[in-house]
Protein backbone atom coordinates (compact mmCIF):
# COMPACT_ATOMS: atom_id res chain seq x y z
CA MET A 1 7.44 9.22 -12.29
CA LYS A 2 9.08 10.06 -8.99
CA ARG A 3 7.29 12.61 -6.80
CA GLU A 4 9.24 15.42 -5.16
CA GLY A 5 10.66 14.22 -1.85
CA GLU A 6 9.65 10.63 -2.59
CA LYS A 7 11.44 7.83 -0.77
CA ARG A 8 11.21 4.19 -1.80
CA LEU A 9 11.07 0.99 0.20
CA THR A 10 10.79 -2.70 -0.47
CA LEU A 11 8.05 -4.77 1.15
CA ALA A 12 8.17 -8.55 1.43
CA LEU A 13 4.78 -10.26 1.83
CA ASP A 14 3.84 -13.88 2.42
CA GLY A 15 2.02 -15.53 -0.46
CA ALA A 16 -1.45 -15.38 1.09
CA THR A 17 -1.20 -11.66 1.87
CA TYR A 18 0.13 -10.92 -1.62
CA ARG A 19 -2.78 -12.81 -3.21
CA ARG A 20 -5.24 -10.83 -1.05
CA LEU A 21 -3.58 -7.58 -2.15
CA ARG A 22 -3.78 -8.59 -5.82
CA LEU A 23 -7.45 -9.55 -5.48
CA HIS A 24 -8.30 -6.29 -3.71
CA ALA A 25 -6.43 -4.30 -6.37
CA ALA A 26 -8.33 -6.05 -9.15
CA GLN A 27 -11.69 -5.54 -7.42
CA THR A 28 -11.11 -1.84 -6.72
CA ASP A 29 -9.09 -0.97 -9.84
CA LYS A 30 -6.38 0.53 -7.61
CA THR A 31 -2.64 0.00 -7.79
CA HIS A 32 -0.75 -1.86 -5.09
CA GLN A 33 1.05 1.43 -4.42
CA ALA A 34 -2.22 3.33 -3.88
CA ILE A 35 -3.65 0.63 -1.58
CA LEU A 36 -0.54 0.33 0.57
CA GLU A 37 0.06 4.08 0.75
CA ALA A 38 -3.55 4.71 1.86
CA ALA A 39 -3.38 1.90 4.43
CA LEU A 40 -0.10 3.16 5.87
CA THR A 41 -1.33 6.76 6.01
CA ASP A 42 -4.49 5.63 7.80
CA TYR A 43 -2.47 3.56 10.28
CA LEU A 44 -0.05 6.39 11.02
CA ASN A 45 -2.89 8.89 11.44
CA ARG A 46 -4.53 6.58 13.99
CA MET A 47 -1.23 6.31 15.88
CA ASP A 48 -1.05 10.12 16.14
CA THR A 49 -4.30 10.36 18.10
């Protein structure tokens, strides 16, 4: 389901990073989308300070 104002992007990862993302997702029961969105939001918030 698309959220209002949502924009989409494609992200290419090397194999090792993708495996780490999959493992983290499995361990935390979070989606790749949720993990990456939280990480990007955190990064951008730190850049604003």
